[in-house]
Protein backbone atom coordinates (compact mmCIF):
# COMPACT_ATOMS: atom_id res chain seq x y z
CA MET A 1 128.07 144.77 133.62
CA LYS A 2 128.63 144.18 129.78
CA ARG A 3 124.90 142.62 129.89
CA ASN A 4 123.79 145.97 131.25
CA GLU A 5 125.47 147.85 128.45
CA LYS A 6 124.12 145.60 125.56
CA MET A 7 120.71 145.91 126.98
CA LEU A 8 121.25 150.01 126.74
CA GLU A 9 122.37 149.62 123.41
CA GLU A 10 119.33 147.60 122.29
CA TYR A 11 116.98 149.11 124.38
CA PRO A 12 117.89 152.94 124.49
CA LEU A 13 116.30 155.46 126.96
CA THR A 14 113.55 157.49 125.26
CA ASN A 15 112.13 160.72 126.59
CA GLU A 16 109.17 159.43 128.11
CA ASP A 17 111.71 156.83 130.12
CA ALA A 18 113.86 159.42 131.34
CA ALA A 19 113.37 161.45 134.88
CA PRO A 20 110.23 164.23 134.59
CA ASP A 21 112.03 167.52 134.41
CA GLU A 22 110.64 170.35 136.63
CA ALA A 23 108.33 171.92 133.62
CA THR A 24 106.52 168.52 133.76
CA LYS A 25 105.91 168.14 137.57
CA ASN A 26 104.46 171.80 137.23
CA ALA A 27 101.84 171.13 134.36
CA LYS A 28 101.11 167.53 136.26
CA THR A 29 100.11 169.70 139.19
CA THR A 30 98.01 172.45 137.42
CA LYS A 31 96.05 169.88 135.78
CA THR A 32 95.22 168.10 139.26
CA THR A 33 94.85 171.38 140.67
CA LYS A 34 92.21 172.08 138.09
CA ASN A 35 90.33 168.94 138.09
CA ALA A 36 89.88 169.27 142.28
CA LYS A 37 88.48 173.02 141.53
CA LYS A 38 86.08 171.20 138.88
CA LYS A 39 84.92 168.77 141.62
CA LYS A 40 84.49 171.56 144.15
CA SER A 41 82.44 173.06 141.42
CA LYS A 42 79.95 170.79 140.78
CA LYS A 43 80.09 170.14 144.50
CA LYS A 44 78.29 173.76 145.10
CA LYS A 45 76.25 173.96 142.16
CA ARG A 46 74.75 170.15 143.47
CA LEU A 47 74.70 172.04 146.95
CA PHE A 48 72.96 175.37 145.93
CA THR A 49 70.25 173.41 143.35
CA SER A 50 69.25 171.26 146.53
CA VAL A 51 69.03 174.27 148.69
CA PHE A 52 66.89 176.60 146.24
CA ILE A 53 64.27 172.79 145.97
CA VAL A 54 64.52 173.35 149.85
CA LEU A 55 63.34 176.85 149.71
CA LEU A 56 60.82 176.38 146.92
CA ILE A 57 58.95 173.82 148.52
CA CYS A 58 58.66 175.43 151.40
CA PHE A 59 57.73 178.65 149.77
CA VAL A 60 55.05 176.91 148.46
CA LEU A 61 53.63 175.06 151.16
CA VAL A 62 54.08 177.99 153.26
CA PHE A 63 52.32 180.74 151.36
CA GLY A 64 49.76 178.13 150.13
CA TRP A 65 49.03 177.34 154.12
CA ILE A 66 48.58 181.32 153.82
CA GLY A 67 46.15 181.80 150.97
CA TYR A 68 44.27 178.69 152.18
CA VAL A 69 43.96 180.22 155.60
CA SER A 70 43.17 183.21 154.22
CA ALA A 71 40.09 182.06 152.01
CA TYR A 72 38.37 181.15 155.42
CA ILE A 73 39.75 184.07 157.18
CA TYR A 74 38.43 186.68 154.84
CA PRO A 75 34.83 185.73 154.97
CA MET A 76 35.28 185.31 158.77
CA LEU A 77 35.89 189.02 158.60
CA PHE A 78 33.79 190.90 156.70
CA GLY A 79 30.95 187.89 156.30
CA SER A 80 27.91 187.67 158.00
CA TYR A 81 26.88 185.05 161.39
CA GLY A 82 23.36 184.11 161.56
CA ASP A 83 20.55 185.65 160.83
CA LYS A 84 21.15 188.48 157.86
CA ASP A 85 18.60 190.76 158.29
CA LYS A 86 19.97 191.73 161.64
CA ALA A 87 20.48 195.32 162.98
CA PRO A 88 24.16 196.40 162.69
CA ILE A 89 25.41 196.86 166.01
CA THR A 90 25.00 200.39 167.92
CA GLU A 91 27.07 203.22 168.75
CA GLU A 92 26.97 202.16 172.48
CA GLN A 93 28.00 198.49 171.09
CA LYS A 94 31.20 200.28 169.28
CA ALA A 95 31.70 202.62 172.48
CA ALA A 96 31.91 199.72 174.75
CA PHE A 97 33.97 197.73 172.84
CA GLU A 98 36.38 200.49 172.80
CA SER A 99 36.37 201.12 176.63
CA GLY A 100 38.40 198.35 176.46
CA GLN A 101 35.43 196.22 179.37
CA ILE A 102 32.33 194.24 177.54
CA THR A 103 30.19 192.00 178.82
CA VAL A 104 29.06 189.15 176.09
CA LEU A 105 25.95 186.84 176.63
CA MET A 106 26.98 183.14 175.81
CA MET A 107 23.76 181.06 174.84
CA GLY A 108 23.99 177.03 173.59
CA SER A 109 20.14 176.50 172.35
CA ASP A 110 18.74 173.61 171.69
CA ARG A 111 17.38 174.74 168.31
CA ARG A 112 16.20 171.18 166.43
CA GLU A 113 14.39 170.68 163.24
CA ASN A 114 11.38 168.84 164.76
CA TRP A 115 10.64 171.83 167.07
CA SER A 116 9.07 175.17 166.75
CA THR A 117 10.63 176.73 169.44
CA SER A 118 13.73 176.68 171.47
CA ARG A 119 15.01 177.31 174.68
CA SER A 120 18.70 177.86 175.84
CA ASP A 121 19.92 174.64 176.99
CA THR A 122 23.49 176.45 178.44
CA MET A 123 23.42 180.55 179.70
CA MET A 124 26.87 182.25 180.54
CA VAL A 125 27.96 186.06 180.78
CA ALA A 126 31.50 186.42 179.63
CA PHE A 127 32.97 189.80 181.84
CA VAL A 128 35.78 190.31 179.52
CA ASP A 129 38.77 193.18 180.65
CA PHE A 130 40.72 193.65 177.92
CA ASP A 131 42.83 196.53 179.27
CA ASN A 132 44.16 193.30 182.61
CA ASP A 133 43.74 190.43 180.33
CA GLU A 134 40.97 188.89 182.57
CA VAL A 135 37.81 187.06 181.43
CA ARG A 136 35.55 186.41 184.34
CA LEU A 137 32.30 183.88 183.13
CA LEU A 138 29.09 183.62 185.19
CA SER A 139 27.21 180.68 184.24
CA ILE A 140 23.33 180.93 185.18
CA PRO A 141 21.44 178.02 186.11
CA ARG A 142 19.02 177.41 182.99
CA ASP A 143 16.34 176.88 185.62
CA THR A 144 16.91 179.84 187.72
CA TYR A 145 13.57 181.72 188.69
CA VAL A 146 12.93 184.80 186.95
CA THR A 147 10.42 187.20 185.79
CA ILE A 148 9.82 187.69 182.18
CA PRO A 149 9.41 191.44 181.81
CA THR A 150 7.56 191.88 178.83
CA SER A 151 4.83 189.95 179.95
CA GLY A 152 5.35 189.12 183.75
CA GLU A 153 5.25 185.38 183.51
CA GLN A 154 7.44 183.59 186.70
CA THR A 155 8.96 180.95 185.20
CA LYS A 156 12.43 179.55 184.42
CA ILE A 157 15.07 181.97 182.68
CA ASN A 158 15.57 179.46 179.08
CA ALA A 159 11.71 180.33 178.96
CA ALA A 160 12.72 184.08 177.83
CA TYR A 161 15.06 182.69 175.01
CA ALA A 162 12.24 180.56 173.47
CA TYR A 163 9.52 183.25 173.83
CA GLY A 164 11.55 186.26 172.82
CA GLY A 165 14.97 184.89 171.70
CA VAL A 166 18.21 186.62 172.08
CA ASP A 167 16.82 190.56 173.15
CA LEU A 168 14.56 188.53 175.75
CA ALA A 169 17.41 186.79 177.15
CA LYS A 170 19.40 190.20 177.60
CA GLN A 171 15.94 192.21 178.82
CA THR A 172 15.11 189.31 181.14
CA LEU A 173 18.96 189.48 182.50
CA ALA A 174 18.83 193.43 182.68
CA SER A 175 15.56 193.20 184.82
CA ASN A 176 15.95 190.63 187.20
CA PHE A 177 19.87 190.72 188.04
CA GLY A 178 21.00 194.33 186.56
CA ILE A 179 23.44 192.51 184.11
CA ASP A 180 23.44 194.59 180.98
CA ILE A 181 24.81 193.10 178.07
CA ASP A 182 26.91 194.35 175.11
CA TYR A 183 27.06 191.37 172.67
CA TYR A 184 26.05 187.81 172.52
CA LEU A 185 27.12 184.51 170.84
CA ASP A 186 24.59 181.96 170.27
CA VAL A 187 25.97 177.95 169.34
CA ASP A 188 23.32 175.72 168.51
CA PHE A 189 24.25 171.85 168.92
CA GLN A 190 25.27 170.67 166.22
CA GLY A 191 28.37 174.08 165.83
CA PHE A 192 29.43 173.38 169.13
CA SER A 193 29.95 169.53 168.55
CA ASP A 194 31.54 170.81 165.08
CA VAL A 195 33.60 173.35 166.65
CA ILE A 196 35.03 170.02 169.00
CA ASP A 197 35.74 168.17 166.19
CA ALA A 198 37.66 170.84 164.00
CA LEU A 199 40.55 171.46 166.67
CA GLY A 200 40.36 167.53 167.01
CA GLY A 201 38.55 166.68 170.30
CA ILE A 202 39.19 167.87 173.61
CA THR A 203 41.07 166.11 176.30
CA ILE A 204 39.07 165.90 180.04
CA ASN A 205 38.21 163.90 183.29
CA VAL A 206 34.88 162.18 182.88
CA PRO A 207 34.04 162.09 186.89
CA MET A 208 31.67 159.55 186.27
CA ASP A 209 30.03 157.11 183.84
CA MET A 210 27.20 158.80 182.25
CA HIS A 211 24.44 157.21 180.85
CA TYR A 212 21.32 158.66 180.10
CA SER A 213 19.91 156.64 176.96
CA ALA A 214 16.94 159.34 176.06
CA GLU A 215 19.51 161.82 175.05
CA GLY A 216 22.02 159.32 173.52
CA ILE A 217 24.13 159.67 176.41
CA ASP A 218 26.64 157.04 177.31
CA LEU A 219 30.41 157.56 178.62
CA LYS A 220 32.64 155.93 180.87
CA ALA A 221 34.52 157.17 183.72
CA GLY A 222 38.39 158.30 183.02
CA VAL A 223 40.50 161.07 181.58
CA GLN A 224 40.00 161.06 177.76
CA LYS A 225 39.82 162.64 174.84
CA LEU A 226 36.32 163.37 173.52
CA ASP A 227 35.43 164.42 170.27
CA GLY A 228 32.57 166.55 169.49
CA ASP A 229 29.23 164.28 169.94
CA GLU A 230 30.91 162.65 172.81
CA ALA A 231 31.75 166.58 174.37
CA LEU A 232 28.46 167.19 173.62
CA GLN A 233 27.19 164.25 175.97
CA PHE A 234 29.56 165.74 178.54
CA VAL A 235 28.98 169.09 179.13
CA ARG A 236 24.36 167.94 178.62
CA PHE A 237 24.54 165.04 181.48
CA ARG A 238 22.49 166.19 184.58
CA SER A 239 21.32 163.03 186.19
CA ASP A 240 23.88 162.90 188.99
CA GLY A 241 21.66 164.07 191.20
CA GLN A 242 22.77 167.60 191.43
CA GLY A 243 20.79 169.00 188.41
CA ASP A 244 21.69 171.68 186.70
CA LEU A 245 24.40 172.72 189.35
CA GLY A 246 26.43 169.87 188.45
CA ARG A 247 26.22 170.27 185.24
CA ILE A 248 27.30 173.56 185.47
CA ASP A 249 30.39 172.21 186.89
CA ARG A 250 31.38 169.91 184.30
CA GLN A 251 30.38 172.93 182.16
CA GLN A 252 32.91 175.15 183.28
CA ALA A 253 35.70 172.54 183.58
CA PHE A 254 35.32 171.64 179.91
CA LEU A 255 35.87 175.74 179.15
CA VAL A 256 38.78 175.55 181.15
CA ALA A 257 39.79 172.37 178.81
CA LEU A 258 38.59 174.39 175.40
CA LYS A 259 40.71 177.12 176.75
CA GLU A 260 43.73 175.28 176.75
CA GLU A 261 43.39 173.78 173.36
CA LEU A 262 42.23 177.00 171.80
CA PHE A 263 45.00 178.75 173.19
CA SER A 264 47.57 176.29 171.98
CA ALA A 265 50.24 176.02 168.96
CA GLY A 266 48.26 173.47 167.17
CA ALA A 267 45.35 175.11 167.04
CA LEU A 268 46.81 177.50 164.37
CA LEU A 269 47.01 175.03 161.90
CA LYS A 270 43.70 174.37 162.43
CA ILE A 271 42.25 177.81 161.92
CA PRO A 272 40.32 176.47 158.77
CA ASP A 273 38.64 174.18 160.26
CA ILE A 274 37.47 175.92 163.08
CA SER A 275 36.63 179.20 161.09
CA SER A 276 34.14 176.94 158.70
CA ALA A 277 32.51 175.51 161.56
CA VAL A 278 32.30 178.59 163.43
CA MET A 279 30.52 180.78 160.21
CA LYS A 280 28.03 177.72 159.99
CA ASN A 281 26.72 177.41 163.23
CA MET A 282 27.07 180.46 165.07
CA ASP A 283 24.81 184.02 165.76
CA THR A 284 26.58 186.74 167.05
CA ASP A 285 26.33 190.84 166.81
CA PHE A 286 30.01 191.06 166.78
CA THR A 287 31.62 192.29 163.47
CA GLY A 288 34.52 189.88 162.00
CA THR A 289 37.17 192.48 162.75
CA GLN A 290 35.81 192.38 166.08
CA MET A 291 36.66 188.86 167.38
CA LEU A 292 39.62 188.82 165.83
CA GLN A 293 40.77 192.15 167.57
CA ALA A 294 39.67 190.47 170.56
CA LEU A 295 41.83 187.14 170.00
CA LEU A 296 44.81 189.16 169.29
CA ASP A 297 44.29 191.57 172.64
CA LEU A 298 44.03 188.21 174.75
CA LYS A 299 46.24 186.20 172.46
CA ASN A 300 49.35 186.32 174.96
CA GLY A 301 47.54 184.77 177.65
CA PHE A 302 45.02 186.17 180.27
CA ASP A 303 43.22 185.32 183.41
CA PHE A 304 40.14 183.06 183.44
CA GLU A 305 38.34 182.87 186.33
CA THR A 306 34.46 181.05 186.51
CA TYR A 307 31.37 181.80 188.70
CA GLN A 308 28.63 180.40 189.98
CA PRO A 309 25.93 182.41 191.57
CA ASP A 310 24.81 181.24 195.08
CA GLY A 311 21.07 179.96 194.99
CA THR A 312 18.96 177.44 196.59
CA ALA A 313 17.02 174.90 194.49
CA GLU A 314 13.47 174.44 195.37
CA TYR A 315 10.09 172.96 194.20
CA LYS A 316 7.47 175.67 193.34
CA ASN A 317 4.05 174.26 192.19
CA ASP A 318 5.92 171.23 191.63
CA ILE A 319 8.59 172.40 189.11
CA SER A 320 11.62 172.46 190.36
CA TYR A 321 13.68 176.40 190.00
CA VAL A 322 17.12 177.67 191.60
CA PHE A 323 16.77 180.75 193.42
CA ILE A 324 19.54 183.10 193.61
CA ASN A 325 20.31 184.74 197.06
CA ASP A 326 21.22 187.99 198.24
CA THR A 327 25.19 186.17 197.97
CA GLY A 328 24.99 185.57 194.26
CA GLN A 329 23.29 188.89 193.89
CA LYS A 330 26.08 190.48 195.12
CA LEU A 331 28.44 188.33 192.81
CA ILE A 332 26.71 189.08 189.97
CA ASP A 333 26.67 193.22 191.29
CA ALA A 334 30.80 192.57 191.92
CA LEU A 335 31.14 190.99 188.34
CA SER A 336 29.15 193.94 186.55
CA SER A 337 30.83 196.61 187.66
CA PHE A 338 34.38 194.50 187.10
CA GLY A 339 35.21 195.36 190.56
CA GLU A 340 36.80 193.31 193.59
CA ILE A 341 35.01 190.05 194.25
CA PRO A 342 32.88 189.88 197.55
CA ALA A 343 34.91 188.07 200.70
CA GLY A 344 33.79 184.59 200.92
CA ILE A 345 32.57 184.22 196.91
CA GLU A 346 35.85 181.67 195.65
CA ALA A 347 35.85 181.34 192.06
CA THR A 348 34.66 177.75 190.86
CA THR A 349 37.72 177.51 188.75
CA ASP A 350 39.97 176.99 191.79
CA LYS A 351 38.33 173.62 192.11
CA ILE A 352 38.55 172.47 189.00
CA ASP A 353 40.95 169.41 188.37
CA LEU A 354 41.05 168.23 185.04
CA ASN A 355 42.67 165.15 185.76
CA ALA A 356 41.05 164.03 188.83
CA ALA A 357 40.63 160.44 190.01
CA SER A 358 37.29 159.38 188.50
CA THR A 359 34.36 157.59 190.59
CA SER A 360 32.20 155.00 188.69
CA VAL A 361 28.73 155.95 188.95
CA THR A 362 26.21 155.21 186.39
CA SER A 363 22.90 157.32 186.79
CA GLU A 364 19.98 157.47 184.56
CA LYS A 365 17.67 159.26 186.74
CA THR A 366 14.95 161.22 184.89
CA THR A 367 15.62 165.20 185.56
CA GLU A 368 13.18 167.15 183.91
CA GLY A 369 14.28 168.89 180.70
CA GLU A 370 17.22 166.64 180.18
């Protein structure tokens, strides 16, 4: 006890050593609260800065992409396709488009640098019904036997394009089958290949080994993604014993796969490349705004059916032709009138399986006009 008293005398308690009073406690609490608020404020500022930077990046990317796309869309809407000197669309064409039902001649032409003339390697007619969201596609065999209206010559339908271009091809379809064409699309081989490359390729089943060295065709059987050049080989091959009719089946299967790819979400990001490929390689009498309106009208999906007119492949004067019979003509009449398809005629689309099992059949049988 005495020892404790002595220590107190030698080392007396100061105010700092004394127990804190209530005012001191309150001061410390206030200081702690201020420090916590400062920390929260700094965190909020950092969070706000991070969010702002992210939004700014998104803004730049989105509007930069829109500007990039617009640089391609503007000339697509207001530019010219193919021959700049061709006549503007007629009032009849405008009226047909506004009616909601149009016929479109679609051709793939084999224009080559060392050829003075070219023929339509592929000829199809699309019957587009915007009001009912329906597209029916009729493939015309290029070996179809016709009479050329301007000369009376009886020959294959693809000769009409060689003799008089799109105009004579349209006249020949009208005079031989009663198909009145409103618009046309003409794409050459390079254009077809470029569009497929712009899409990133098309996945499809190659039903057999395809080999034809004269045209550089060499594909193995099986489901695979084809680039532009390979896709062109696929749609042109016809050395399978079925000639042009077998090739049409594969072309229609390819168009089904192409339609799925074009209207997929991923295709939106590829618009600049696709539009560039189209502008460089396609000739059409559609206006850019009409093409855009057509895409918008069909953007939510549409019924897509493919047809092939019934006919027989026969030789005449040692040349192979396809002769369209009465059943084939009835189909053409129904499609041209946008009417009901006659009983007993089925769309070839129903038979298409893009992932069907393949068969290993290699052929290099020479077919005229491969």
